[in-house]
Amino acid sequence: MPKVNVSKAHNTTLDEAIAKTREFVAAFQAKNAALISEIKWAPDGRSANLKGSMFTGCFTVDEQKVNCLIDLSFMASAFKGTVEEKLKRQLDKAFPS
């Protein structure tokens, strides 16, 4: 499956980065509810696994950056560039430099 891997430095505390990442994922889910079937957060809030009809993904947060890894299905592979650009824009918006 095609993979999209996007990272963004957050320049905040870990707790702030976790909170912003939760907001980012919640906003993504609200805008794309038909695409996302499940989101599972780790108990410490440092990662979330997402599942949808055409992808699986994982968001991770550490002391320096937020990372998003998305595995697209074969049918969604044509949208790899679009998905990558949207993720970059949204992460830049959530974590301005």
PDB file of N, CA and C in Angstrom:
ATOM      1  N   MET A   1       0.843  -1.179   0.000  1.00  0.00           N
ATOM      2  CA  MET A   1       0.000   0.000   0.000  1.00  0.00           C
ATOM      3  C   MET A   1       0.890   1.245   0.000  1.00  0.00           C
ATOM      4  N   PRO A   2       0.508   2.274  -0.723  1.00  0.00           N
ATOM      5  CA  PRO A   2       1.272   3.527  -0.711  1.00  0.00           C
ATOM      6  C   PRO A   2       1.229   4.171   0.671  1.00  0.00           C
ATOM      7  N   LYS A   3       2.368   4.714   1.068  1.00  0.00           N
ATOM      8  CA  LYS A   3       2.455   5.350   2.380  1.00  0.00           C
ATOM      9  C   LYS A   3       2.678   6.846   2.248  1.00  0.00           C
ATOM     10  N   VAL A   4       2.051   7.586   3.147  1.00  0.00           N
ATOM     11  CA  VAL A   4       2.269   9.021   3.295  1.00  0.00           C
ATOM     12  C   VAL A   4       2.834   9.218   4.687  1.00  0.00           C
ATOM     13  N   ASN A   5       4.001   9.857   4.774  1.00  0.00           N
ATOM     14  CA  ASN A   5       4.635  10.089   6.069  1.00  0.00           C
ATOM     15  C   ASN A   5       4.951  11.569   6.176  1.00  0.00           C
ATOM     16  N   VAL A   6       4.306  12.253   7.115  1.00  0.00           N
ATOM     17  CA  VAL A   6       4.479  13.691   7.292  1.00  0.00           C
ATOM     18  C   VAL A   6       4.823  13.958   8.754  1.00  0.00           C
ATOM     19  N   SER A   7       5.869  14.753   8.967  1.00  0.00           N
ATOM     20  CA  SER A   7       6.262  15.155  10.322  1.00  0.00           C
ATOM     21  C   SER A   7       6.282  16.669  10.414  1.00  0.00           C
ATOM     22  N   LYS A   8       6.032  17.163  11.627  1.00  0.00           N
ATOM     23  CA  LYS A   8       6.051  18.603  11.866  1.00  0.00           C
ATOM     24  C   LYS A   8       6.598  18.852  13.268  1.00  0.00           C
ATOM     25  N   ALA A   9       7.636  19.695  13.354  1.00  0.00           N
ATOM     26  CA  ALA A   9       8.138  20.112  14.666  1.00  0.00           C
ATOM     27  C   ALA A   9       7.071  20.962  15.342  1.00  0.00           C
ATOM     28  N   HIS A  10       6.900  20.787  16.668  1.00  0.00           N
ATOM     29  CA  HIS A  10       5.807  21.513  17.321  1.00  0.00           C
ATOM     30  C   HIS A  10       6.248  22.676  18.192  1.00  0.00           C
ATOM     31  N   ASN A  11       7.467  22.756  18.646  1.00  0.00           N
ATOM     32  CA  ASN A  11       7.969  23.880  19.443  1.00  0.00           C
ATOM     33  C   ASN A  11       7.068  24.233  20.625  1.00  0.00           C
ATOM     34  N   THR A  12       6.455  23.234  21.238  1.00  0.00           N
ATOM     35  CA  THR A  12       5.623  23.434  22.424  1.00  0.00           C
ATOM     36  C   THR A  12       5.995  22.355  23.435  1.00  0.00           C
ATOM     37  N   THR A  13       5.310  22.357  24.563  1.00  0.00           N
ATOM     38  CA  THR A  13       5.509  21.266  25.515  1.00  0.00           C
ATOM     39  C   THR A  13       4.843  20.014  24.965  1.00  0.00           C
ATOM     40  N   LEU A  14       5.206  18.894  25.508  1.00  0.00           N
ATOM     41  CA  LEU A  14       4.604  17.631  25.075  1.00  0.00           C
ATOM     42  C   LEU A  14       3.098  17.643  25.320  1.00  0.00           C
ATOM     43  N   ASP A  15       2.671  18.132  26.484  1.00  0.00           N
ATOM     44  CA  ASP A  15       1.237  18.164  26.796  1.00  0.00           C
ATOM     45  C   ASP A  15       0.467  19.054  25.820  1.00  0.00           C
ATOM     46  N   GLU A  16       1.037  20.205  25.477  1.00  0.00           N
ATOM     47  CA  GLU A  16       0.381  21.090  24.503  1.00  0.00           C
ATOM     48  C   GLU A  16       0.317  20.434  23.129  1.00  0.00           C
ATOM     49  N   ALA A  17       1.387  19.766  22.740  1.00  0.00           N
ATOM     50  CA  ALA A  17       1.413  19.091  21.441  1.00  0.00           C
ATOM     51  C   ALA A  17       0.381  17.972  21.394  1.00  0.00           C
ATOM     52  N   ILE A  18       0.234  17.238  22.484  1.00  0.00           N
ATOM     53  CA  ILE A  18      -0.776  16.176  22.544  1.00  0.00           C
ATOM     54  C   ILE A  18      -2.170  16.778  22.405  1.00  0.00           C
ATOM     55  N   ALA A  19      -2.426  17.856  23.136  1.00  0.00           N
ATOM     56  CA  ALA A  19      -3.748  18.507  23.077  1.00  0.00           C
ATOM     57  C   ALA A  19      -4.042  19.016  21.671  1.00  0.00           C
ATOM     58  N   LYS A  20      -3.073  19.663  21.041  1.00  0.00           N
ATOM     59  CA  LYS A  20      -3.274  20.169  19.690  1.00  0.00           C
ATOM     60  C   LYS A  20      -3.466  19.037  18.686  1.00  0.00           C
ATOM     61  N   THR A  21      -2.755  17.946  18.883  1.00  0.00           N
ATOM     62  CA  THR A  21      -2.903  16.802  17.979  1.00  0.00           C
ATOM     63  C   THR A  21      -4.286  16.183  18.139  1.00  0.00           C
ATOM     64  N   ARG A  22      -4.768  16.089  19.362  1.00  0.00           N
ATOM     65  CA  ARG A  22      -6.137  15.587  19.580  1.00  0.00           C
ATOM     66  C   ARG A  22      -7.157  16.483  18.877  1.00  0.00           C
ATOM     67  N   GLU A  23      -6.974  17.809  18.991  1.00  0.00           N
ATOM     68  CA  GLU A  23      -7.871  18.746  18.305  1.00  0.00           C
ATOM     69  C   GLU A  23      -7.782  18.571  16.791  1.00  0.00           C
ATOM     70  N   PHE A  24      -6.573  18.422  16.288  1.00  0.00           N
ATOM     71  CA  PHE A  24      -6.350  18.239  14.855  1.00  0.00           C
ATOM     72  C   PHE A  24      -7.061  16.979  14.354  1.00  0.00           C
ATOM     73  N   VAL A  25      -6.886  15.878  15.069  1.00  0.00           N
ATOM     74  CA  VAL A  25      -7.518  14.618  14.666  1.00  0.00           C
ATOM     75  C   VAL A  25      -9.036  14.715  14.773  1.00  0.00           C
ATOM     76  N   ALA A  26      -9.544  15.342  15.833  1.00  0.00           N
ATOM     77  CA  ALA A  26     -10.997  15.512  15.995  1.00  0.00           C
ATOM     78  C   ALA A  26     -11.577  16.358  14.869  1.00  0.00           C
ATOM     79  N   ALA A  27     -10.882  17.429  14.484  1.00  0.00           N
ATOM     80  CA  ALA A  27     -11.353  18.279  13.387  1.00  0.00           C
ATOM     81  C   ALA A  27     -11.331  17.513  12.068  1.00  0.00           C
ATOM     82  N   PHE A  28     -10.303  16.723  11.867  1.00  0.00           N
ATOM     83  CA  PHE A  28     -10.213  15.897  10.658  1.00  0.00           C
ATOM     84  C   PHE A  28     -11.381  14.921  10.607  1.00  0.00           C
ATOM     85  N   GLN A  29     -11.671  14.304  11.737  1.00  0.00           N
ATOM     86  CA  GLN A  29     -12.785  13.354  11.792  1.00  0.00           C
ATOM     87  C   GLN A  29     -14.116  14.063  11.535  1.00  0.00           C
ATOM     88  N   ALA A  30     -14.287  15.247  12.095  1.00  0.00           N
ATOM     89  CA  ALA A  30     -15.541  15.977  11.898  1.00  0.00           C
ATOM     90  C   ALA A  30     -15.751  16.332  10.429  1.00  0.00           C
ATOM     91  N   LYS A  31     -14.685  16.708   9.744  1.00  0.00           N
ATOM     92  CA  LYS A  31     -14.793  17.075   8.335  1.00  0.00           C
ATOM     93  C   LYS A  31     -14.908  15.870   7.413  1.00  0.00           C
ATOM     94  N   ASN A  32     -14.429  14.717   7.873  1.00  0.00           N
ATOM     95  CA  ASN A  32     -14.347  13.534   7.016  1.00  0.00           C
ATOM     96  C   ASN A  32     -14.975  12.310   7.682  1.00  0.00           C
ATOM     97  N   ALA A  33     -16.101  12.507   8.336  1.00  0.00           N
ATOM     98  CA  ALA A  33     -16.728  11.436   9.115  1.00  0.00           C
ATOM     99  C   ALA A  33     -17.010  10.190   8.290  1.00  0.00           C
ATOM    100  N   ALA A  34     -17.347  10.356   7.028  1.00  0.00           N
ATOM    101  CA  ALA A  34     -17.658   9.207   6.182  1.00  0.00           C
ATOM    102  C   ALA A  34     -16.419   8.371   5.875  1.00  0.00           C
ATOM    103  N   LEU A  35     -15.230   8.960   5.997  1.00  0.00           N
ATOM    104  CA  LEU A  35     -13.998   8.247   5.669  1.00  0.00           C
ATOM    105  C   LEU A  35     -13.393   7.499   6.849  1.00  0.00           C
ATOM    106  N   ILE A  36     -13.700   7.933   8.065  1.00  0.00           N
ATOM    107  CA  ILE A  36     -13.062   7.377   9.260  1.00  0.00           C
ATOM    108  C   ILE A  36     -14.034   6.483  10.009  1.00  0.00           C
ATOM    109  N   SER A  37     -13.634   5.239  10.205  1.00  0.00           N
ATOM    110  CA  SER A  37     -14.511   4.317  10.924  1.00  0.00           C
ATOM    111  C   SER A  37     -14.103   4.153  12.389  1.00  0.00           C
ATOM    112  N   GLU A  38     -12.829   4.454  12.704  1.00  0.00           N
ATOM    113  CA  GLU A  38     -12.373   4.215  14.076  1.00  0.00           C
ATOM    114  C   GLU A  38     -11.129   5.045  14.388  1.00  0.00           C
ATOM    115  N   ILE A  39     -11.079   5.585  15.603  1.00  0.00           N
ATOM    116  CA  ILE A  39      -9.884   6.234  16.135  1.00  0.00           C
ATOM    117  C   ILE A  39      -9.670   5.688  17.540  1.00  0.00           C
ATOM    118  N   LYS A  40      -8.470   5.177  17.793  1.00  0.00           N
ATOM    119  CA  LYS A  40      -8.119   4.664  19.122  1.00  0.00           C
ATOM    120  C   LYS A  40      -6.885   5.400  19.615  1.00  0.00           C
ATOM    121  N   TRP A  41      -7.056   6.108  20.728  1.00  0.00           N
ATOM    122  CA  TRP A  41      -5.945   6.822  21.350  1.00  0.00           C
ATOM    123  C   TRP A  41      -5.260   5.922  22.369  1.00  0.00           C
ATOM    124  N   ALA A  42      -3.944   6.018  22.451  1.00  0.00           N
ATOM    125  CA  ALA A  42      -3.183   5.333  23.496  1.00  0.00           C
ATOM    126  C   ALA A  42      -3.529   5.985  24.828  1.00  0.00           C
ATOM    127  N   PRO A  43      -3.451   5.243  25.936  1.00  0.00           N
ATOM    128  CA  PRO A  43      -3.789   5.813  27.243  1.00  0.00           C
ATOM    129  C   PRO A  43      -2.992   7.073  27.595  1.00  0.00           C
ATOM    130  N   ASP A  44      -1.737   7.161  27.152  1.00  0.00           N
ATOM    131  CA  ASP A  44      -0.935   8.348  27.463  1.00  0.00           C
ATOM    132  C   ASP A  44      -1.181   9.500  26.490  1.00  0.00           C
ATOM    133  N   GLY A  45      -1.994   9.292  25.457  1.00  0.00           N
ATOM    134  CA  GLY A  45      -2.341  10.330  24.501  1.00  0.00           C
ATOM    135  C   GLY A  45      -1.271  10.638  23.478  1.00  0.00           C
ATOM    136  N   ARG A  46      -0.173   9.875  23.497  1.00  0.00           N
ATOM    137  CA  ARG A  46       0.940  10.166  22.595  1.00  0.00           C
ATOM    138  C   ARG A  46       0.776   9.563  21.205  1.00  0.00           C
ATOM    139  N   SER A  47      -0.258   8.755  21.001  1.00  0.00           N
ATOM    140  CA  SER A  47      -0.477   8.184  19.670  1.00  0.00           C
ATOM    141  C   SER A  47      -1.952   7.842  19.479  1.00  0.00           C
ATOM    142  N   ALA A  48      -2.328   7.813  18.219  1.00  0.00           N
ATOM    143  CA  ALA A  48      -3.690   7.447  17.845  1.00  0.00           C
ATOM    144  C   ALA A  48      -3.623   6.620  16.570  1.00  0.00           C
ATOM    145  N   ASN A  49      -4.393   5.558  16.527  1.00  0.00           N
ATOM    146  CA  ASN A  49      -4.524   4.748  15.323  1.00  0.00           C
ATOM    147  C   ASN A  49      -5.873   5.056  14.691  1.00  0.00           C
ATOM    148  N   LEU A  50      -5.857   5.276  13.386  1.00  0.00           N
ATOM    149  CA  LEU A  50      -7.071   5.582  12.641  1.00  0.00           C
ATOM    150  C   LEU A  50      -7.314   4.494  11.611  1.00  0.00           C
ATOM    151  N   LYS A  51      -8.579   4.191  11.384  1.00  0.00           N
ATOM    152  CA  LYS A  51      -8.962   3.243  10.341  1.00  0.00           C
ATOM    153  C   LYS A  51     -10.100   3.842   9.540  1.00  0.00           C
ATOM    154  N   GLY A  52     -10.036   3.596   8.255  1.00  0.00           N
ATOM    155  CA  GLY A  52     -11.101   4.026   7.369  1.00  0.00           C
ATOM    156  C   GLY A  52     -11.253   3.031   6.243  1.00  0.00           C
ATOM    157  N   SER A  53     -12.205   3.292   5.386  1.00  0.00           N
ATOM    158  CA  SER A  53     -12.471   2.351   4.310  1.00  0.00           C
ATOM    159  C   SER A  53     -11.334   2.285   3.295  1.00  0.00           C
ATOM    160  N   MET A  54     -10.537   3.361   3.187  1.00  0.00           N
ATOM    161  CA  MET A  54      -9.476   3.365   2.191  1.00  0.00           C
ATOM    162  C   MET A  54      -8.090   3.663   2.765  1.00  0.00           C
ATOM    163  N   PHE A  55      -7.953   3.580   4.102  1.00  0.00           N
ATOM    164  CA  PHE A  55      -6.656   3.859   4.706  1.00  0.00           C
ATOM    165  C   PHE A  55      -6.588   3.329   6.128  1.00  0.00           C
ATOM    166  N   THR A  56      -5.381   3.212   6.625  1.00  0.00           N
ATOM    167  CA  THR A  56      -5.102   3.076   8.049  1.00  0.00           C
ATOM    168  C   THR A  56      -4.022   4.112   8.338  1.00  0.00           C
ATOM    169  N   GLY A  57      -3.966   4.556   9.570  1.00  0.00           N
ATOM    170  CA  GLY A  57      -2.978   5.569   9.879  1.00  0.00           C
ATOM    171  C   GLY A  57      -2.650   5.632  11.349  1.00  0.00           C
ATOM    172  N   CYS A  58      -1.584   6.365  11.635  1.00  0.00           N
ATOM    173  CA  CYS A  58      -1.142   6.539  13.011  1.00  0.00           C
ATOM    174  C   CYS A  58      -0.574   7.934  13.179  1.00  0.00           C
ATOM    175  N   PHE A  59      -1.004   8.619  14.223  1.00  0.00           N
ATOM    176  CA  PHE A  59      -0.421   9.891  14.632  1.00  0.00           C
ATOM    177  C   PHE A  59       0.383   9.615  15.887  1.00  0.00           C
ATOM    178  N   THR A  60       1.612  10.116  15.948  1.00  0.00           N
ATOM    179  CA  THR A  60       2.430  10.000  17.153  1.00  0.00           C
ATOM    180  C   THR A  60       2.971  11.374  17.519  1.00  0.00           C
ATOM    181  N   VAL A  61       3.110  11.589  18.823  1.00  0.00           N
ATOM    182  CA  VAL A  61       3.619  12.858  19.342  1.00  0.00           C
ATOM    183  C   VAL A  61       4.776  12.556  20.271  1.00  0.00           C
ATOM    184  N   ASP A  62       5.901  13.253  20.053  1.00  0.00           N
ATOM    185  CA  ASP A  62       7.000  13.154  21.009  1.00  0.00           C
ATOM    186  C   ASP A  62       7.415  14.562  21.428  1.00  0.00           C
ATOM    187  N   GLU A  63       8.523  14.682  22.121  1.00  0.00           N
ATOM    188  CA  GLU A  63       8.933  15.972  22.676  1.00  0.00           C
ATOM    189  C   GLU A  63       9.259  17.016  21.610  1.00  0.00           C
ATOM    190  N   GLN A  64       9.596  16.587  20.390  1.00  0.00           N
ATOM    191  CA  GLN A  64       9.978  17.530  19.343  1.00  0.00           C
ATOM    192  C   GLN A  64       9.003  17.649  18.179  1.00  0.00           C
ATOM    193  N   LYS A  65       8.297  16.567  17.853  1.00  0.00           N
ATOM    194  CA  LYS A  65       7.509  16.592  16.623  1.00  0.00           C
ATOM    195  C   LYS A  65       6.236  15.763  16.709  1.00  0.00           C
ATOM    196  N   VAL A  66       5.377  16.025  15.721  1.00  0.00           N
ATOM    197  CA  VAL A  66       4.175  15.227  15.497  1.00  0.00           C
ATOM    198  C   VAL A  66       4.406  14.494  14.184  1.00  0.00           C
ATOM    199  N   ASN A  67       4.127  13.210  14.167  1.00  0.00           N
ATOM    200  CA  ASN A  67       4.323  12.418  12.959  1.00  0.00           C
ATOM    201  C   ASN A  67       3.003  11.760  12.567  1.00  0.00           C
ATOM    202  N   CYS A  68       2.754  11.744  11.287  1.00  0.00           N
ATOM    203  CA  CYS A  68       1.552  11.107  10.750  1.00  0.00           C
ATOM    204  C   CYS A  68       1.972  10.136   9.657  1.00  0.00           C
ATOM    205  N   LEU A  69       1.622   8.891   9.820  1.00  0.00           N
ATOM    206  CA  LEU A  69       1.897   7.865   8.820  1.00  0.00           C
ATOM    207  C   LEU A  69       0.563   7.290   8.365  1.00  0.00           C
ATOM    208  N   ILE A  70       0.280   7.407   7.076  1.00  0.00           N
ATOM    209  CA  ILE A  70      -0.972   6.915   6.503  1.00  0.00           C
ATOM    210  C   ILE A  70      -0.654   5.868   5.445  1.00  0.00           C
ATOM    211  N   ASP A  71      -1.295   4.713   5.537  1.00  0.00           N
ATOM    212  CA  ASP A  71      -1.210   3.673   4.510  1.00  0.00           C
ATOM    213  C   ASP A  71      -2.496   3.732   3.705  1.00  0.00           C
ATOM    214  N   LEU A  72      -2.365   4.083   2.450  1.00  0.00           N
ATOM    215  CA  LEU A  72      -3.531   4.183   1.575  1.00  0.00           C
ATOM    216  C   LEU A  72      -3.802   2.858   0.887  1.00  0.00           C
ATOM    217  N   SER A  73      -5.073   2.569   0.667  1.00  0.00           N
ATOM    218  CA  SER A  73      -5.425   1.372  -0.091  1.00  0.00           C
ATOM    219  C   SER A  73      -5.030   1.583  -1.546  1.00  0.00           C
ATOM    220  N   PHE A  74      -5.013   0.513  -2.298  1.00  0.00           N
ATOM    221  CA  PHE A  74      -4.688   0.597  -3.719  1.00  0.00           C
ATOM    222  C   PHE A  74      -5.622   1.571  -4.421  1.00  0.00           C
ATOM    223  N   MET A  75      -6.901   1.524  -4.080  1.00  0.00           N
ATOM    224  CA  MET A  75      -7.877   2.395  -4.741  1.00  0.00           C
ATOM    225  C   MET A  75      -7.646   3.875  -4.417  1.00  0.00           C
ATOM    226  N   ALA A  76      -7.074   4.157  -3.265  1.00  0.00           N
ATOM    227  CA  ALA A  76      -6.832   5.545  -2.868  1.00  0.00           C
ATOM    228  C   ALA A  76      -5.435   6.024  -3.256  1.00  0.00           C
ATOM    229  N   SER A  77      -4.619   5.162  -3.816  1.00  0.00           N
ATOM    230  CA  SER A  77      -3.234   5.527  -4.116  1.00  0.00           C
ATOM    231  C   SER A  77      -3.112   6.710  -5.074  1.00  0.00           C
ATOM    232  N   ALA A  78      -4.095   6.906  -5.930  1.00  0.00           N
ATOM    233  CA  ALA A  78      -4.068   8.043  -6.858  1.00  0.00           C
ATOM    234  C   ALA A  78      -4.144   9.381  -6.120  1.00  0.00           C
ATOM    235  N   PHE A  79      -4.596   9.365  -4.875  1.00  0.00           N
ATOM    236  CA  PHE A  79      -4.754  10.594  -4.089  1.00  0.00           C
ATOM    237  C   PHE A  79      -3.602  10.827  -3.116  1.00  0.00           C
ATOM    238  N   LYS A  80      -2.522  10.071  -3.245  1.00  0.00           N
ATOM    239  CA  LYS A  80      -1.396  10.167  -2.317  1.00  0.00           C
ATOM    240  C   LYS A  80      -0.883  11.601  -2.205  1.00  0.00           C
ATOM    241  N   GLY A  81      -0.634  12.272  -3.324  1.00  0.00           N
ATOM    242  CA  GLY A  81      -0.123  13.639  -3.297  1.00  0.00           C
ATOM    243  C   GLY A  81      -1.076  14.601  -2.625  1.00  0.00           C
ATOM    244  N   THR A  82      -2.352  14.453  -2.907  1.00  0.00           N
ATOM    245  CA  THR A  82      -3.374  15.317  -2.305  1.00  0.00           C
ATOM    246  C   THR A  82      -3.432  15.108  -0.798  1.00  0.00           C
ATOM    247  N   VAL A  83      -3.410  13.858  -0.369  1.00  0.00           N
ATOM    248  CA  VAL A  83      -3.449  13.540   1.063  1.00  0.00           C
ATOM    249  C   VAL A  83      -2.228  14.130   1.757  1.00  0.00           C
ATOM    250  N   GLU A  84      -1.060  13.957   1.162  1.00  0.00           N
ATOM    251  CA  GLU A  84       0.170  14.473   1.751  1.00  0.00           C
ATOM    252  C   GLU A  84       0.138  15.999   1.877  1.00  0.00           C
ATOM    253  N   GLU A  85      -0.289  16.691   0.840  1.00  0.00           N
ATOM    254  CA  GLU A  85      -0.354  18.152   0.879  1.00  0.00           C
ATOM    255  C   GLU A  85      -1.360  18.653   1.915  1.00  0.00           C
ATOM    256  N   LYS A  86      -2.528  17.999   1.996  1.00  0.00           N
ATOM    257  CA  LYS A  86      -3.528  18.409   2.989  1.00  0.00           C
ATOM    258  C   LYS A  86      -3.019  18.206   4.406  1.00  0.00           C
ATOM    259  N   LEU A  87      -2.356  17.075   4.651  1.00  0.00           N
ATOM    260  CA  LEU A  87      -1.795  16.831   5.981  1.00  0.00           C
ATOM    261  C   LEU A  87      -0.757  17.891   6.331  1.00  0.00           C
ATOM    262  N   LYS A  88       0.124  18.204   5.392  1.00  0.00           N
ATOM    263  CA  LYS A  88       1.147  19.220   5.647  1.00  0.00           C
ATOM    264  C   LYS A  88       0.511  20.568   5.971  1.00  0.00           C
ATOM    265  N   ARG A  89      -0.485  20.964   5.194  1.00  0.00           N
ATOM    266  CA  ARG A  89      -1.153  22.250   5.436  1.00  0.00           C
ATOM    267  C   ARG A  89      -1.824  22.289   6.795  1.00  0.00           C
ATOM    268  N   GLN A  90      -2.525  21.204   7.133  1.00  0.00           N
ATOM    269  CA  GLN A  90      -3.242  21.177   8.407  1.00  0.00           C
ATOM    270  C   GLN A  90      -2.285  21.146   9.593  1.00  0.00           C
ATOM    271  N   LEU A  91      -1.183  20.416   9.467  1.00  0.00           N
ATOM    272  CA  LEU A  91      -0.180  20.408  10.549  1.00  0.00           C
ATOM    273  C   LEU A  91       0.494  21.771  10.672  1.00  0.00           C
ATOM    274  N   ASP A  92       0.766  22.413   9.529  1.00  0.00           N
ATOM    275  CA  ASP A  92       1.341  23.766   9.584  1.00  0.00           C
ATOM    276  C   ASP A  92       0.390  24.739  10.263  1.00  0.00           C
ATOM    277  N   LYS A  93      -0.900  24.559  10.017  1.00  0.00           N
ATOM    278  CA  LYS A  93      -1.907  25.416  10.649  1.00  0.00           C
ATOM    279  C   LYS A  93      -1.993  25.158  12.164  1.00  0.00           C
ATOM    280  N   ALA A  94      -1.948  23.877  12.543  1.00  0.00           N
ATOM    281  CA  ALA A  94      -2.037  23.521  13.966  1.00  0.00           C
ATOM    282  C   ALA A  94      -0.764  23.863  14.735  1.00  0.00           C
ATOM    283  N   PHE A  95       0.381  23.773  14.045  1.00  0.00           N
ATOM    284  CA  PHE A  95       1.678  24.011  14.677  1.00  0.00           C
ATOM    285  C   PHE A  95       2.476  25.017  13.846  1.00  0.00           C
ATOM    286  N   PRO A  96       2.101  26.294  13.894  1.00  0.00           N
ATOM    287  CA  PRO A  96       2.843  27.287  13.107  1.00  0.00           C
ATOM    288  C   PRO A  96       4.288  27.389  13.581  1.00  0.00           C
ATOM    289  N   SER A  97       5.170  27.651  12.657  1.00  0.00           N
ATOM    290  CA  SER A  97       6.614  27.733  12.998  1.00  0.00           C
ATOM    291  C   SER A  97       6.943  29.022  13.705  1.00  0.00           C
TER     292      SER A  97
END
